[in-house]
Amino acid sequence: MFTCKLMRSAVLVAATLLVSGVLLEILAQTTPYAVPATHFALLAVLASVGVMLVAFLLGLLPARLTHLDECQH
């Protein structure tokens, strides 16, 4: 069941992936292993977008919308 807690968790996971991707990109510029670090940074940022997109699309489903209406803001 898609609940408020799951939505919050999806946002936190996406934010963590985004921050780790940015930090990995900064680290990639100062390390001799620039290519693998850059690839991991890109994958982390794209995974962040993917998680948010899936959460958004699941949140738009009519059956899920009623559950999310009951969330405390």
PDB file of N, CA and C in Angstrom:
ATOM      1  N   MET A   1       0.845  -1.174   0.000  1.00  0.00           N
ATOM      2  CA  MET A   1       0.000   0.000   0.000  1.00  0.00           C
ATOM      3  C   MET A   1       0.889   1.236   0.000  1.00  0.00           C
ATOM      4  N   PHE A   2       0.546   2.193  -0.808  1.00  0.00           N
ATOM      5  CA  PHE A   2       1.302   3.421  -0.972  1.00  0.00           C
ATOM      6  C   PHE A   2       0.808   4.436   0.046  1.00  0.00           C
ATOM      7  N   THR A   3       1.584   4.671   1.076  1.00  0.00           N
ATOM      8  CA  THR A   3       1.152   5.531   2.170  1.00  0.00           C
ATOM      9  C   THR A   3       2.020   6.782   2.236  1.00  0.00           C
ATOM     10  N   CYS A   4       1.685   7.623   3.187  1.00  0.00           N
ATOM     11  CA  CYS A   4       2.451   8.850   3.395  1.00  0.00           C
ATOM     12  C   CYS A   4       3.885   8.538   3.802  1.00  0.00           C
ATOM     13  N   LYS A   5       4.025   7.508   4.638  1.00  0.00           N
ATOM     14  CA  LYS A   5       5.355   7.131   5.101  1.00  0.00           C
ATOM     15  C   LYS A   5       6.228   6.663   3.938  1.00  0.00           C
ATOM     16  N   LEU A   6       5.637   5.917   3.027  1.00  0.00           N
ATOM     17  CA  LEU A   6       6.381   5.452   1.863  1.00  0.00           C
ATOM     18  C   LEU A   6       6.748   6.615   0.942  1.00  0.00           C
ATOM     19  N   MET A   7       5.856   7.579   0.810  1.00  0.00           N
ATOM     20  CA  MET A   7       6.151   8.762  -0.008  1.00  0.00           C
ATOM     21  C   MET A   7       7.303   9.565   0.598  1.00  0.00           C
ATOM     22  N   ARG A   8       7.275   9.734   1.917  1.00  0.00           N
ATOM     23  CA  ARG A   8       8.369  10.447   2.581  1.00  0.00           C
ATOM     24  C   ARG A   8       9.684   9.697   2.416  1.00  0.00           C
ATOM     25  N   SER A   9       9.635   8.396   2.516  1.00  0.00           N
ATOM     26  CA  SER A   9      10.841   7.583   2.345  1.00  0.00           C
ATOM     27  C   SER A   9      11.388   7.710   0.922  1.00  0.00           C
ATOM     28  N   ALA A  10      10.515   7.738  -0.054  1.00  0.00           N
ATOM     29  CA  ALA A  10      10.949   7.890  -1.445  1.00  0.00           C
ATOM     30  C   ALA A  10      11.632   9.240  -1.654  1.00  0.00           C
ATOM     31  N   VAL A  11      11.090  10.274  -1.046  1.00  0.00           N
ATOM     32  CA  VAL A  11      11.700  11.608  -1.173  1.00  0.00           C
ATOM     33  C   VAL A  11      13.060  11.637  -0.486  1.00  0.00           C
ATOM     34  N   LEU A  12      13.172  11.018   0.681  1.00  0.00           N
ATOM     35  CA  LEU A  12      14.454  10.989   1.386  1.00  0.00           C
ATOM     36  C   LEU A  12      15.499  10.178   0.623  1.00  0.00           C
ATOM     37  N   VAL A  13      15.096   9.060   0.039  1.00  0.00           N
ATOM     38  CA  VAL A  13      16.033   8.258  -0.754  1.00  0.00           C
ATOM     39  C   VAL A  13      16.488   9.041  -1.979  1.00  0.00           C
ATOM     40  N   ALA A  14      15.565   9.729  -2.631  1.00  0.00           N
ATOM     41  CA  ALA A  14      15.924  10.517  -3.813  1.00  0.00           C
ATOM     42  C   ALA A  14      16.866  11.666  -3.441  1.00  0.00           C
ATOM     43  N   ALA A  15      16.603  12.311  -2.325  1.00  0.00           N
ATOM     44  CA  ALA A  15      17.481  13.403  -1.887  1.00  0.00           C
ATOM     45  C   ALA A  15      18.865  12.882  -1.528  1.00  0.00           C
ATOM     46  N   THR A  16      18.917  11.730  -0.874  1.00  0.00           N
ATOM     47  CA  THR A  16      20.202  11.133  -0.514  1.00  0.00           C
ATOM     48  C   THR A  16      20.991  10.750  -1.765  1.00  0.00           C
ATOM     49  N   LEU A  17      20.315  10.178  -2.746  1.00  0.00           N
ATOM     50  CA  LEU A  17      20.996   9.826  -3.994  1.00  0.00           C
ATOM     51  C   LEU A  17      21.500  11.065  -4.724  1.00  0.00           C
ATOM     52  N   LEU A  18      20.714  12.124  -4.708  1.00  0.00           N
ATOM     53  CA  LEU A  18      21.126  13.357  -5.382  1.00  0.00           C
ATOM     54  C   LEU A  18      22.350  13.971  -4.710  1.00  0.00           C
ATOM     55  N   VAL A  19      22.327  14.044  -3.394  1.00  0.00           N
ATOM     56  CA  VAL A  19      23.465  14.617  -2.671  1.00  0.00           C
ATOM     57  C   VAL A  19      24.706  13.752  -2.842  1.00  0.00           C
ATOM     58  N   SER A  20      24.542  12.442  -2.771  1.00  0.00           N
ATOM     59  CA  SER A  20      25.703  11.568  -2.954  1.00  0.00           C
ATOM     60  C   SER A  20      26.257  11.666  -4.376  1.00  0.00           C
ATOM     61  N   GLY A  21      25.388  11.838  -5.347  1.00  0.00           N
ATOM     62  CA  GLY A  21      25.855  12.021  -6.726  1.00  0.00           C
ATOM     63  C   GLY A  21      26.645  13.296  -6.908  1.00  0.00           C
ATOM     64  N   VAL A  22      26.179  14.365  -6.296  1.00  0.00           N
ATOM     65  CA  VAL A  22      26.903  15.644  -6.388  1.00  0.00           C
ATOM     66  C   VAL A  22      28.247  15.542  -5.673  1.00  0.00           C
ATOM     67  N   LEU A  23      28.259  14.926  -4.494  1.00  0.00           N
ATOM     68  CA  LEU A  23      29.519  14.769  -3.767  1.00  0.00           C
ATOM     69  C   LEU A  23      30.492  13.854  -4.503  1.00  0.00           C
ATOM     70  N   LEU A  24      29.975  12.806  -5.131  1.00  0.00           N
ATOM     71  CA  LEU A  24      30.840  11.932  -5.927  1.00  0.00           C
ATOM     72  C   LEU A  24      31.428  12.667  -7.126  1.00  0.00           C
ATOM     73  N   GLU A  25      30.668  13.553  -7.709  1.00  0.00           N
ATOM     74  CA  GLU A  25      31.188  14.319  -8.850  1.00  0.00           C
ATOM     75  C   GLU A  25      32.299  15.265  -8.393  1.00  0.00           C
ATOM     76  N   ILE A  26      32.123  15.869  -7.248  1.00  0.00           N
ATOM     77  CA  ILE A  26      33.185  16.736  -6.705  1.00  0.00           C
ATOM     78  C   ILE A  26      34.413  15.899  -6.386  1.00  0.00           C
ATOM     79  N   LEU A  27      34.198  14.722  -5.802  1.00  0.00           N
ATOM     80  CA  LEU A  27      35.302  13.827  -5.488  1.00  0.00           C
ATOM     81  C   LEU A  27      35.985  13.319  -6.755  1.00  0.00           C
ATOM     82  N   ALA A  28      35.233  13.132  -7.817  1.00  0.00           N
ATOM     83  CA  ALA A  28      35.799  12.621  -9.068  1.00  0.00           C
ATOM     84  C   ALA A  28      36.807  13.587  -9.678  1.00  0.00           C
ATOM     85  N   GLN A  29      36.641  14.853  -9.399  1.00  0.00           N
ATOM     86  CA  GLN A  29      37.556  15.841  -9.966  1.00  0.00           C
ATOM     87  C   GLN A  29      38.892  15.877  -9.237  1.00  0.00           C
ATOM     88  N   THR A  30      38.951  15.290  -8.040  1.00  0.00           N
ATOM     89  CA  THR A  30      40.188  15.338  -7.266  1.00  0.00           C
ATOM     90  C   THR A  30      40.838  13.978  -7.081  1.00  0.00           C
ATOM     91  N   THR A  31      40.294  12.937  -7.681  1.00  0.00           N
ATOM     92  CA  THR A  31      40.831  11.591  -7.493  1.00  0.00           C
ATOM     93  C   THR A  31      41.390  11.061  -8.812  1.00  0.00           C
ATOM     94  N   PRO A  32      42.345  10.149  -8.725  1.00  0.00           N
ATOM     95  CA  PRO A  32      42.863   9.571  -9.974  1.00  0.00           C
ATOM     96  C   PRO A  32      41.863   8.631 -10.659  1.00  0.00           C
ATOM     97  N   TYR A  33      40.830   8.209  -9.940  1.00  0.00           N
ATOM     98  CA  TYR A  33      39.809   7.336 -10.519  1.00  0.00           C
ATOM     99  C   TYR A  33      38.608   8.164 -10.969  1.00  0.00           C
ATOM    100  N   ALA A  34      38.840   9.083 -11.863  1.00  0.00           N
ATOM    101  CA  ALA A  34      37.808  10.037 -12.251  1.00  0.00           C
ATOM    102  C   ALA A  34      36.682   9.383 -13.051  1.00  0.00           C
ATOM    103  N   VAL A  35      37.008   8.468 -13.939  1.00  0.00           N
ATOM    104  CA  VAL A  35      35.978   7.888 -14.798  1.00  0.00           C
ATOM    105  C   VAL A  35      34.985   7.033 -14.009  1.00  0.00           C
ATOM    106  N   PRO A  36      35.419   6.091 -13.174  1.00  0.00           N
ATOM    107  CA  PRO A  36      34.423   5.320 -12.403  1.00  0.00           C
ATOM    108  C   PRO A  36      33.616   6.188 -11.434  1.00  0.00           C
ATOM    109  N   ALA A  37      34.270   7.149 -10.807  1.00  0.00           N
ATOM    110  CA  ALA A  37      33.553   8.023  -9.870  1.00  0.00           C
ATOM    111  C   ALA A  37      32.517   8.867 -10.605  1.00  0.00           C
ATOM    112  N   THR A  38      32.843   9.327 -11.789  1.00  0.00           N
ATOM    113  CA  THR A  38      31.894  10.109 -12.577  1.00  0.00           C
ATOM    114  C   THR A  38      30.711   9.253 -13.001  1.00  0.00           C
ATOM    115  N   HIS A  39      30.970   8.008 -13.371  1.00  0.00           N
ATOM    116  CA  HIS A  39      29.877   7.115 -13.755  1.00  0.00           C
ATOM    117  C   HIS A  39      28.953   6.838 -12.580  1.00  0.00           C
ATOM    118  N   PHE A  40      29.525   6.582 -11.406  1.00  0.00           N
ATOM    119  CA  PHE A  40      28.694   6.351 -10.219  1.00  0.00           C
ATOM    120  C   PHE A  40      27.907   7.597  -9.846  1.00  0.00           C
ATOM    121  N   ALA A  41      28.517   8.769 -10.023  1.00  0.00           N
ATOM    122  CA  ALA A  41      27.821  10.024  -9.734  1.00  0.00           C
ATOM    123  C   ALA A  41      26.638  10.203 -10.685  1.00  0.00           C
ATOM    124  N   LEU A  42      26.856   9.929 -11.949  1.00  0.00           N
ATOM    125  CA  LEU A  42      25.774  10.055 -12.926  1.00  0.00           C
ATOM    126  C   LEU A  42      24.658   9.059 -12.640  1.00  0.00           C
ATOM    127  N   LEU A  43      25.014   7.829 -12.300  1.00  0.00           N
ATOM    128  CA  LEU A  43      24.006   6.822 -11.965  1.00  0.00           C
ATOM    129  C   LEU A  43      23.212   7.217 -10.721  1.00  0.00           C
ATOM    130  N   ALA A  44      23.869   7.788  -9.728  1.00  0.00           N
ATOM    131  CA  ALA A  44      23.178   8.206  -8.507  1.00  0.00           C
ATOM    132  C   ALA A  44      22.193   9.338  -8.802  1.00  0.00           C
ATOM    133  N   VAL A  45      22.602  10.294  -9.603  1.00  0.00           N
ATOM    134  CA  VAL A  45      21.705  11.414  -9.939  1.00  0.00           C
ATOM    135  C   VAL A  45      20.523  10.925 -10.775  1.00  0.00           C
ATOM    136  N   LEU A  46      20.781  10.054 -11.747  1.00  0.00           N
ATOM    137  CA  LEU A  46      19.692   9.530 -12.568  1.00  0.00           C
ATOM    138  C   LEU A  46      18.760   8.628 -11.763  1.00  0.00           C
ATOM    139  N   ALA A  47      19.310   7.868 -10.822  1.00  0.00           N
ATOM    140  CA  ALA A  47      18.468   7.043  -9.952  1.00  0.00           C
ATOM    141  C   ALA A  47      17.591   7.922  -9.068  1.00  0.00           C
ATOM    142  N   SER A  48      18.114   9.048  -8.645  1.00  0.00           N
ATOM    143  CA  SER A  48      17.335   9.997  -7.852  1.00  0.00           C
ATOM    144  C   SER A  48      16.122  10.493  -8.637  1.00  0.00           C
ATOM    145  N   VAL A  49      16.356  10.843  -9.875  1.00  0.00           N
ATOM    146  CA  VAL A  49      15.253  11.288 -10.731  1.00  0.00           C
ATOM    147  C   VAL A  49      14.259  10.151 -10.957  1.00  0.00           C
ATOM    148  N   GLY A  50      14.769   8.942 -11.148  1.00  0.00           N
ATOM    149  CA  GLY A  50      13.899   7.786 -11.363  1.00  0.00           C
ATOM    150  C   GLY A  50      13.020   7.487 -10.157  1.00  0.00           C
ATOM    151  N   VAL A  51      13.590   7.570  -8.966  1.00  0.00           N
ATOM    152  CA  VAL A  51      12.816   7.316  -7.752  1.00  0.00           C
ATOM    153  C   VAL A  51      11.706   8.357  -7.602  1.00  0.00           C
ATOM    154  N   MET A  52      12.036   9.610  -7.839  1.00  0.00           N
ATOM    155  CA  MET A  52      11.020  10.663  -7.720  1.00  0.00           C
ATOM    156  C   MET A  52       9.946  10.519  -8.796  1.00  0.00           C
ATOM    157  N   LEU A  53      10.327  10.120  -9.996  1.00  0.00           N
ATOM    158  CA  LEU A  53       9.356   9.938 -11.066  1.00  0.00           C
ATOM    159  C   LEU A  53       8.404   8.792 -10.760  1.00  0.00           C
ATOM    160  N   VAL A  54       8.924   7.690 -10.254  1.00  0.00           N
ATOM    161  CA  VAL A  54       8.071   6.555  -9.898  1.00  0.00           C
ATOM    162  C   VAL A  54       7.134   6.933  -8.752  1.00  0.00           C
ATOM    163  N   ALA A  55       7.652   7.629  -7.757  1.00  0.00           N
ATOM    164  CA  ALA A  55       6.806   8.061  -6.632  1.00  0.00           C
ATOM    165  C   ALA A  55       5.715   9.010  -7.116  1.00  0.00           C
ATOM    166  N   PHE A  56       6.054   9.903  -8.027  1.00  0.00           N
ATOM    167  CA  PHE A  56       5.076  10.846  -8.561  1.00  0.00           C
ATOM    168  C   PHE A  56       3.993  10.125  -9.356  1.00  0.00           C
ATOM    169  N   LEU A  57       4.403   9.202 -10.214  1.00  0.00           N
ATOM    170  CA  LEU A  57       3.432   8.487 -11.036  1.00  0.00           C
ATOM    171  C   LEU A  57       2.539   7.582 -10.192  1.00  0.00           C
ATOM    172  N   LEU A  58       3.104   6.942  -9.167  1.00  0.00           N
ATOM    173  CA  LEU A  58       2.283   6.130  -8.276  1.00  0.00           C
ATOM    174  C   LEU A  58       1.330   6.995  -7.459  1.00  0.00           C
ATOM    175  N   GLY A  59       1.769   8.185  -7.124  1.00  0.00           N
ATOM    176  CA  GLY A  59       0.914   9.101  -6.375  1.00  0.00           C
ATOM    177  C   GLY A  59      -0.253   9.630  -7.181  1.00  0.00           C
ATOM    178  N   LEU A  60      -0.153   9.577  -8.502  1.00  0.00           N
ATOM    179  CA  LEU A  60      -1.233  10.070  -9.355  1.00  0.00           C
ATOM    180  C   LEU A  60      -2.348   9.054  -9.584  1.00  0.00           C
ATOM    181  N   LEU A  61      -2.110   7.811  -9.230  1.00  0.00           N
ATOM    182  CA  LEU A  61      -3.141   6.799  -9.421  1.00  0.00           C
ATOM    183  C   LEU A  61      -4.355   7.126  -8.553  1.00  0.00           C
ATOM    184  N   PRO A  62      -5.558   6.990  -9.085  1.00  0.00           N
ATOM    185  CA  PRO A  62      -6.762   7.387  -8.341  1.00  0.00           C
ATOM    186  C   PRO A  62      -6.931   6.663  -7.004  1.00  0.00           C
ATOM    187  N   ALA A  63      -6.616   5.386  -6.946  1.00  0.00           N
ATOM    188  CA  ALA A  63      -6.774   4.650  -5.690  1.00  0.00           C
ATOM    189  C   ALA A  63      -5.789   5.148  -4.640  1.00  0.00           C
ATOM    190  N   ARG A  64      -4.610   5.552  -5.070  1.00  0.00           N
ATOM    191  CA  ARG A  64      -3.587   6.024  -4.136  1.00  0.00           C
ATOM    192  C   ARG A  64      -3.857   7.458  -3.689  1.00  0.00           C
ATOM    193  N   LEU A  65      -4.533   8.205  -4.534  1.00  0.00           N
ATOM    194  CA  LEU A  65      -4.784   9.617  -4.235  1.00  0.00           C
ATOM    195  C   LEU A  65      -5.607   9.786  -2.969  1.00  0.00           C
ATOM    196  N   THR A  66      -6.547   8.898  -2.725  1.00  0.00           N
ATOM    197  CA  THR A  66      -7.364   9.013  -1.520  1.00  0.00           C
ATOM    198  C   THR A  66      -6.528   8.746  -0.270  1.00  0.00           C
ATOM    199  N   HIS A  67      -5.558   7.844  -0.342  1.00  0.00           N
ATOM    200  CA  HIS A  67      -4.698   7.589   0.801  1.00  0.00           C
ATOM    201  C   HIS A  67      -3.794   8.782   1.078  1.00  0.00           C
ATOM    202  N   LEU A  68      -3.306   9.424   0.006  1.00  0.00           N
ATOM    203  CA  LEU A  68      -2.405  10.553   0.196  1.00  0.00           C
ATOM    204  C   LEU A  68      -3.147  11.817   0.631  1.00  0.00           C
ATOM    205  N   ASP A  69      -4.442  11.884   0.382  1.00  0.00           N
ATOM    206  CA  ASP A  69      -5.232  13.028   0.858  1.00  0.00           C
ATOM    207  C   ASP A  69      -5.323  13.069   2.365  1.00  0.00           C
ATOM    208  N   GLU A  70      -5.168  11.912   3.014  1.00  0.00           N
ATOM    209  CA  GLU A  70      -5.279  11.844   4.462  1.00  0.00           C
ATOM    210  C   GLU A  70      -3.970  12.126   5.179  1.00  0.00           C
ATOM    211  N   CYS A  71      -2.912  12.470   4.445  1.00  0.00           N
ATOM    212  CA  CYS A  71      -1.614  12.761   5.057  1.00  0.00           C
ATOM    213  C   CYS A  71      -1.660  14.077   5.830  1.00  0.00           C
ATOM    214  N   GLN A  72      -0.915  14.113   6.907  1.00  0.00           N
ATOM    215  CA  GLN A  72      -0.783  15.359   7.657  1.00  0.00           C
ATOM    216  C   GLN A  72       0.346  16.156   7.036  1.00  0.00           C
ATOM    217  N   HIS A  73       0.112  17.423   6.795  1.00  0.00           N
ATOM    218  CA  HIS A  73       1.123  18.243   6.124  1.00  0.00           C
ATOM    219  C   HIS A  73       1.877  19.058   7.147  1.00  0.00           C
TER     220      HIS A  73
END
